Amino acid sequence: MPRGTLEVVLISAKGLEGNDFLCAGSNPQWNETFLFTVSDSASELNLKIMEKDNFTNDDNIGEVVIHLDAVLEEGSLPETTYNIVKDQKFCGEIKVALTFTAERNIERSYNADDEIIGGWQQSARDY
């Protein structure tokens, strides 16, 4: 897997049932961007959708698992709707856009002439 930066844009959700926290109701609009560093072992993005409660513990509305193979290969995925699931039950939808920027690997090629100046070859000639 490549290494780099994953930009996740949480756009909106709809059909979020059983929550009482959202001023926007069950169809919130976020348009929030988050950046994550992707390591060699990353293969999926796990999103946990939580309800913010002021006086009690936040409630888990559900989760989304997004496999990263396509975005790592293509570089970006347009706005896509994913199902939010909790206990194998559909709990709504979330719209997300993804962009992956690969880490640049600067490789230096070996050149024997580099060693002639100040390297072991120069030292060897002095003896």
N, C-alpha and C. Protein backbone atom coordinates (compact mmCIF):
# COMPACT_ATOMS: atom_id res chain seq x y z
N MET A 1 0.83 -1.18 0.00
CA MET A 1 0.00 0.00 0.00
C MET A 1 0.88 1.25 0.00
N PRO A 2 0.46 2.26 -0.72
CA PRO A 2 1.24 3.50 -0.73
C PRO A 2 1.05 4.28 0.57
N ARG A 3 2.00 5.16 0.81
CA ARG A 3 1.92 6.06 1.96
C ARG A 3 1.57 7.45 1.45
N GLY A 4 0.92 8.26 2.29
CA GLY A 4 0.58 9.60 1.87
C GLY A 4 -0.46 10.22 2.78
N THR A 5 -1.22 11.17 2.22
CA THR A 5 -2.23 11.90 2.97
C THR A 5 -3.61 11.65 2.38
N LEU A 6 -4.54 11.31 3.23
CA LEU A 6 -5.92 11.09 2.81
C LEU A 6 -6.76 12.27 3.28
N GLU A 7 -7.40 12.96 2.34
CA GLU A 7 -8.31 14.05 2.66
C GLU A 7 -9.72 13.50 2.62
N VAL A 8 -10.42 13.63 3.74
CA VAL A 8 -11.79 13.14 3.87
C VAL A 8 -12.70 14.34 4.05
N VAL A 9 -13.66 14.49 3.14
CA VAL A 9 -14.64 15.57 3.25
C VAL A 9 -15.96 14.94 3.65
N LEU A 10 -16.40 15.22 4.89
CA LEU A 10 -17.72 14.78 5.34
C LEU A 10 -18.71 15.84 4.87
N ILE A 11 -19.55 15.46 3.96
CA ILE A 11 -20.44 16.42 3.31
C ILE A 11 -21.77 16.52 4.05
N SER A 12 -22.47 15.39 4.17
CA SER A 12 -23.79 15.43 4.78
C SER A 12 -24.22 14.02 5.17
N ALA A 13 -25.34 13.96 5.85
CA ALA A 13 -25.96 12.67 6.17
C ALA A 13 -27.46 12.84 6.01
N LYS A 14 -28.14 11.70 5.87
CA LYS A 14 -29.60 11.77 5.83
C LYS A 14 -30.17 10.48 6.42
N GLY A 15 -31.36 10.61 6.94
CA GLY A 15 -32.06 9.46 7.48
C GLY A 15 -31.53 8.98 8.82
N LEU A 16 -30.84 9.86 9.56
CA LEU A 16 -30.33 9.47 10.88
C LEU A 16 -31.50 9.43 11.84
N GLU A 17 -31.85 8.23 12.28
CA GLU A 17 -33.01 8.08 13.15
C GLU A 17 -32.61 7.94 14.60
N GLY A 18 -33.52 8.27 15.49
CA GLY A 18 -33.33 8.05 16.91
C GLY A 18 -32.30 8.97 17.54
N ASN A 19 -32.12 10.15 16.97
CA ASN A 19 -31.20 11.08 17.61
C ASN A 19 -31.93 12.37 17.93
N ASP A 20 -31.45 13.02 18.98
CA ASP A 20 -32.12 14.26 19.41
C ASP A 20 -31.14 15.42 19.47
N PHE A 21 -29.95 15.26 18.91
CA PHE A 21 -28.91 16.25 19.10
C PHE A 21 -28.80 17.27 17.99
N LEU A 22 -29.19 16.92 16.81
CA LEU A 22 -28.87 17.75 15.66
C LEU A 22 -29.84 18.89 15.48
N CYS A 23 -29.30 20.10 15.46
CA CYS A 23 -30.16 21.25 15.09
C CYS A 23 -30.68 21.07 13.69
N ALA A 24 -29.88 20.37 12.86
CA ALA A 24 -30.28 20.13 11.48
C ALA A 24 -31.19 18.92 11.35
N GLY A 25 -31.58 18.34 12.47
CA GLY A 25 -32.46 17.18 12.44
C GLY A 25 -31.73 15.94 12.00
N SER A 26 -32.42 15.10 11.26
CA SER A 26 -31.83 13.83 10.84
C SER A 26 -31.06 13.95 9.52
N ASN A 27 -30.94 15.17 8.98
CA ASN A 27 -30.25 15.39 7.71
C ASN A 27 -29.22 16.52 7.84
N PRO A 28 -28.16 16.32 8.64
CA PRO A 28 -27.19 17.39 8.86
C PRO A 28 -26.29 17.64 7.64
N GLN A 29 -25.83 18.87 7.51
CA GLN A 29 -24.86 19.28 6.49
C GLN A 29 -23.59 19.71 7.23
N TRP A 30 -22.44 19.06 6.93
CA TRP A 30 -21.21 19.41 7.63
C TRP A 30 -20.23 20.15 6.74
N ASN A 31 -19.92 19.59 5.58
CA ASN A 31 -18.88 20.14 4.69
C ASN A 31 -17.59 20.41 5.45
N GLU A 32 -17.15 19.42 6.22
CA GLU A 32 -15.92 19.50 7.02
C GLU A 32 -14.84 18.64 6.37
N THR A 33 -13.60 19.14 6.38
CA THR A 33 -12.48 18.43 5.79
C THR A 33 -11.53 17.97 6.89
N PHE A 34 -11.08 16.72 6.78
CA PHE A 34 -10.13 16.13 7.72
C PHE A 34 -8.98 15.52 6.94
N LEU A 35 -7.76 15.65 7.47
CA LEU A 35 -6.58 15.06 6.84
C LEU A 35 -6.02 13.96 7.72
N PHE A 36 -5.68 12.83 7.10
CA PHE A 36 -5.11 11.69 7.80
C PHE A 36 -3.84 11.24 7.09
N THR A 37 -2.86 10.82 7.86
CA THR A 37 -1.65 10.22 7.29
C THR A 37 -1.92 8.74 7.09
N VAL A 38 -1.68 8.26 5.87
CA VAL A 38 -1.92 6.87 5.53
C VAL A 38 -0.59 6.13 5.57
N SER A 39 -0.55 5.04 6.33
CA SER A 39 0.65 4.22 6.41
C SER A 39 0.55 3.04 5.45
N ASP A 40 1.61 2.27 5.41
CA ASP A 40 1.66 1.13 4.49
C ASP A 40 0.55 0.11 4.73
N SER A 41 0.09 0.01 5.96
CA SER A 41 -0.86 -1.05 6.29
C SER A 41 -2.33 -0.61 6.20
N ALA A 42 -2.60 0.63 5.88
CA ALA A 42 -3.98 1.13 5.83
C ALA A 42 -4.72 0.54 4.63
N SER A 43 -5.89 -0.03 4.90
CA SER A 43 -6.68 -0.59 3.80
C SER A 43 -8.13 -0.12 3.85
N GLU A 44 -8.53 0.49 4.97
CA GLU A 44 -9.91 0.98 5.07
C GLU A 44 -9.99 2.16 6.03
N LEU A 45 -11.03 2.95 5.84
CA LEU A 45 -11.34 4.08 6.69
C LEU A 45 -12.59 3.73 7.47
N ASN A 46 -12.52 3.80 8.79
CA ASN A 46 -13.68 3.51 9.64
C ASN A 46 -14.21 4.81 10.21
N LEU A 47 -15.46 5.12 9.90
CA LEU A 47 -16.11 6.31 10.43
C LEU A 47 -17.15 5.89 11.45
N LYS A 48 -17.10 6.49 12.62
CA LYS A 48 -18.09 6.23 13.66
C LYS A 48 -18.91 7.50 13.83
N ILE A 49 -20.20 7.41 13.59
CA ILE A 49 -21.08 8.56 13.67
C ILE A 49 -21.67 8.60 15.08
N MET A 50 -21.40 9.71 15.76
CA MET A 50 -21.80 9.85 17.16
C MET A 50 -22.80 10.99 17.31
N GLU A 51 -23.69 10.83 18.29
CA GLU A 51 -24.63 11.87 18.67
C GLU A 51 -24.05 12.59 19.88
N LYS A 52 -23.90 13.89 19.79
CA LYS A 52 -23.36 14.69 20.89
C LYS A 52 -24.45 14.98 21.91
N ASP A 53 -24.25 14.47 23.12
CA ASP A 53 -25.17 14.74 24.22
C ASP A 53 -24.49 15.66 25.22
N ASN A 54 -25.22 16.65 25.70
CA ASN A 54 -24.64 17.60 26.65
C ASN A 54 -24.54 17.05 28.07
N PHE A 55 -25.50 16.25 28.51
CA PHE A 55 -25.55 15.84 29.90
C PHE A 55 -25.32 14.35 30.12
N THR A 56 -25.23 13.58 29.05
CA THR A 56 -24.98 12.14 29.16
C THR A 56 -23.87 11.76 28.18
N ASN A 57 -23.46 10.51 28.19
CA ASN A 57 -22.46 10.04 27.24
C ASN A 57 -22.98 10.16 25.82
N ASP A 58 -22.07 10.48 24.89
CA ASP A 58 -22.45 10.54 23.48
C ASP A 58 -22.91 9.17 23.02
N ASP A 59 -23.89 9.15 22.12
CA ASP A 59 -24.46 7.90 21.63
C ASP A 59 -23.88 7.55 20.26
N ASN A 60 -23.61 6.28 20.08
CA ASN A 60 -23.14 5.77 18.80
C ASN A 60 -24.34 5.55 17.89
N ILE A 61 -24.40 6.32 16.81
CA ILE A 61 -25.49 6.17 15.85
C ILE A 61 -25.22 4.98 14.93
N GLY A 62 -23.98 4.83 14.51
CA GLY A 62 -23.61 3.73 13.62
C GLY A 62 -22.22 3.94 13.05
N GLU A 63 -21.83 3.04 12.16
CA GLU A 63 -20.49 3.08 11.58
C GLU A 63 -20.53 2.86 10.08
N VAL A 64 -19.45 3.32 9.45
CA VAL A 64 -19.25 3.14 8.01
C VAL A 64 -17.82 2.65 7.80
N VAL A 65 -17.65 1.63 6.98
CA VAL A 65 -16.32 1.15 6.61
C VAL A 65 -16.15 1.43 5.12
N ILE A 66 -15.12 2.22 4.80
CA ILE A 66 -14.83 2.56 3.40
C ILE A 66 -13.50 1.92 3.03
N HIS A 67 -13.53 1.02 2.06
CA HIS A 67 -12.30 0.38 1.59
C HIS A 67 -11.54 1.39 0.74
N LEU A 68 -10.23 1.49 0.96
CA LEU A 68 -9.42 2.54 0.35
C LEU A 68 -8.76 2.15 -0.97
N ASP A 69 -8.91 0.92 -1.41
CA ASP A 69 -8.24 0.48 -2.64
C ASP A 69 -8.48 1.43 -3.81
N ALA A 70 -9.72 1.80 -4.04
CA ALA A 70 -10.05 2.63 -5.21
C ALA A 70 -9.44 4.02 -5.12
N VAL A 71 -9.53 4.67 -3.96
CA VAL A 71 -8.98 6.02 -3.83
C VAL A 71 -7.45 6.00 -3.87
N LEU A 72 -6.83 4.96 -3.34
CA LEU A 72 -5.37 4.86 -3.39
C LEU A 72 -4.89 4.67 -4.82
N GLU A 73 -5.68 3.97 -5.62
CA GLU A 73 -5.33 3.71 -7.01
C GLU A 73 -5.65 4.90 -7.91
N GLU A 74 -6.84 5.48 -7.73
CA GLU A 74 -7.31 6.55 -8.61
C GLU A 74 -6.83 7.94 -8.18
N GLY A 75 -6.60 8.13 -6.88
CA GLY A 75 -6.20 9.44 -6.37
C GLY A 75 -7.34 10.22 -5.77
N SER A 76 -8.56 9.96 -6.23
CA SER A 76 -9.72 10.64 -5.63
C SER A 76 -10.99 9.88 -5.97
N LEU A 77 -11.97 10.06 -5.10
CA LEU A 77 -13.31 9.54 -5.32
C LEU A 77 -14.28 10.70 -5.14
N PRO A 78 -15.21 10.87 -6.07
CA PRO A 78 -16.18 11.97 -5.93
C PRO A 78 -17.11 11.70 -4.75
N GLU A 79 -18.00 12.64 -4.51
CA GLU A 79 -19.00 12.47 -3.45
C GLU A 79 -19.69 11.13 -3.63
N THR A 80 -19.63 10.31 -2.59
CA THR A 80 -20.22 8.99 -2.63
C THR A 80 -21.04 8.79 -1.38
N THR A 81 -22.19 8.14 -1.51
CA THR A 81 -23.06 7.86 -0.37
C THR A 81 -22.77 6.46 0.16
N TYR A 82 -22.60 6.37 1.48
CA TYR A 82 -22.33 5.10 2.15
C TYR A 82 -23.40 4.85 3.20
N ASN A 83 -23.74 3.59 3.41
CA ASN A 83 -24.72 3.22 4.42
C ASN A 83 -24.10 3.24 5.81
N ILE A 84 -24.82 3.83 6.76
CA ILE A 84 -24.43 3.80 8.16
C ILE A 84 -25.12 2.59 8.78
N VAL A 85 -24.34 1.76 9.46
CA VAL A 85 -24.85 0.49 9.99
C VAL A 85 -24.51 0.38 11.46
N LYS A 86 -25.45 -0.14 12.23
CA LYS A 86 -25.21 -0.45 13.64
C LYS A 86 -25.88 -1.79 13.93
N ASP A 87 -25.09 -2.72 14.45
CA ASP A 87 -25.60 -4.07 14.74
C ASP A 87 -26.26 -4.68 13.51
N GLN A 88 -25.63 -4.50 12.35
CA GLN A 88 -26.09 -5.02 11.06
C GLN A 88 -27.44 -4.45 10.63
N LYS A 89 -27.80 -3.29 11.18
CA LYS A 89 -29.06 -2.63 10.84
C LYS A 89 -28.77 -1.28 10.20
N PHE A 90 -29.45 -0.97 9.10
CA PHE A 90 -29.32 0.30 8.41
C PHE A 90 -29.78 1.45 9.30
N CYS A 91 -28.92 2.49 9.44
CA CYS A 91 -29.24 3.61 10.33
C CYS A 91 -29.21 4.96 9.63
N GLY A 92 -29.03 4.98 8.33
CA GLY A 92 -28.97 6.24 7.59
C GLY A 92 -27.86 6.18 6.56
N GLU A 93 -27.59 7.34 5.96
CA GLU A 93 -26.56 7.44 4.92
C GLU A 93 -25.66 8.64 5.20
N ILE A 94 -24.41 8.52 4.76
CA ILE A 94 -23.47 9.63 4.88
C ILE A 94 -22.81 9.83 3.53
N LYS A 95 -22.62 11.08 3.15
CA LYS A 95 -21.99 11.41 1.88
C LYS A 95 -20.57 11.91 2.16
N VAL A 96 -19.59 11.27 1.49
CA VAL A 96 -18.19 11.53 1.73
C VAL A 96 -17.45 11.64 0.40
N ALA A 97 -16.47 12.55 0.32
CA ALA A 97 -15.56 12.63 -0.83
C ALA A 97 -14.15 12.37 -0.32
N LEU A 98 -13.33 11.67 -1.11
CA LEU A 98 -11.98 11.28 -0.69
C LEU A 98 -10.95 11.69 -1.73
N THR A 99 -9.79 12.15 -1.25
CA THR A 99 -8.66 12.44 -2.12
C THR A 99 -7.40 11.92 -1.46
N PHE A 100 -6.58 11.20 -2.22
CA PHE A 100 -5.33 10.66 -1.69
C PHE A 100 -4.16 11.29 -2.42
N THR A 101 -3.19 11.79 -1.66
CA THR A 101 -1.97 12.34 -2.23
C THR A 101 -0.82 11.46 -1.75
N ALA A 102 -0.18 10.77 -2.69
CA ALA A 102 0.91 9.85 -2.34
C ALA A 102 2.13 10.63 -1.86
N GLU A 103 2.83 10.01 -0.93
CA GLU A 103 4.08 10.57 -0.43
C GLU A 103 5.12 10.41 -1.52
N ARG A 104 5.86 11.46 -1.76
CA ARG A 104 6.90 11.38 -2.80
C ARG A 104 8.12 10.70 -2.25
N ASN A 105 8.60 9.70 -2.97
CA ASN A 105 9.84 9.02 -2.61
C ASN A 105 10.94 9.57 -3.48
N ILE A 106 11.90 10.21 -2.85
CA ILE A 106 13.03 10.73 -3.62
C ILE A 106 14.12 9.68 -3.57
N GLU A 107 14.31 9.05 -4.70
CA GLU A 107 15.32 8.00 -4.78
C GLU A 107 16.58 8.57 -5.41
N ARG A 108 17.69 8.23 -4.82
CA ARG A 108 18.95 8.67 -5.37
C ARG A 108 19.61 7.48 -6.04
N SER A 109 19.94 7.65 -7.28
CA SER A 109 20.57 6.54 -7.99
C SER A 109 22.06 6.49 -7.62
N TYR A 110 22.60 5.32 -7.67
CA TYR A 110 24.02 5.12 -7.35
C TYR A 110 24.86 5.55 -8.54
N ASN A 111 25.87 6.33 -8.26
CA ASN A 111 26.79 6.78 -9.29
C ASN A 111 28.20 6.58 -8.76
N ALA A 112 29.00 5.79 -9.43
CA ALA A 112 30.36 5.49 -8.97
C ALA A 112 31.21 6.75 -8.92
N ASP A 113 30.93 7.75 -9.76
CA ASP A 113 31.71 8.98 -9.75
C ASP A 113 31.55 9.75 -8.44
N ASP A 114 30.42 9.57 -7.75
CA ASP A 114 30.20 10.24 -6.47
C ASP A 114 31.25 9.83 -5.44
N GLU A 115 31.70 8.61 -5.54
CA GLU A 115 32.65 8.10 -4.55
C GLU A 115 34.07 8.57 -4.84
N ILE A 116 34.35 8.98 -6.05
CA ILE A 116 35.69 9.42 -6.40
C ILE A 116 36.04 10.70 -5.65
N ILE A 117 35.10 11.59 -5.48
CA ILE A 117 35.34 12.84 -4.78
C ILE A 117 35.04 12.65 -3.31
N GLY A 118 36.07 12.60 -2.50
CA GLY A 118 35.91 12.49 -1.06
C GLY A 118 35.51 11.12 -0.58
N GLY A 119 35.47 10.14 -1.43
CA GLY A 119 35.06 8.80 -1.03
C GLY A 119 36.25 7.88 -0.85
N TRP A 120 35.98 6.63 -0.70
CA TRP A 120 37.03 5.64 -0.44
C TRP A 120 38.00 5.50 -1.60
N GLN A 121 37.53 5.76 -2.84
CA GLN A 121 38.44 5.63 -3.97
C GLN A 121 39.56 6.68 -3.91
N GLN A 122 39.20 7.88 -3.49
CA GLN A 122 40.20 8.93 -3.36
C GLN A 122 41.22 8.55 -2.29
N SER A 123 40.72 8.06 -1.16
CA SER A 123 41.62 7.65 -0.08
C SER A 123 42.53 6.53 -0.51
N ALA A 124 42.02 5.62 -1.30
CA ALA A 124 42.81 4.47 -1.74
C ALA A 124 43.95 4.91 -2.63
N ARG A 125 43.73 5.96 -3.43
CA ARG A 125 44.79 6.45 -4.33
C ARG A 125 45.93 7.10 -3.57
N ASP A 126 45.65 7.62 -2.35
CA ASP A 126 46.67 8.32 -1.59
C ASP A 126 47.73 7.37 -1.05
N TYR A 127 47.47 6.07 -1.03
CA TYR A 127 48.43 5.11 -0.45
C TYR A 127 49.23 4.45 -1.50
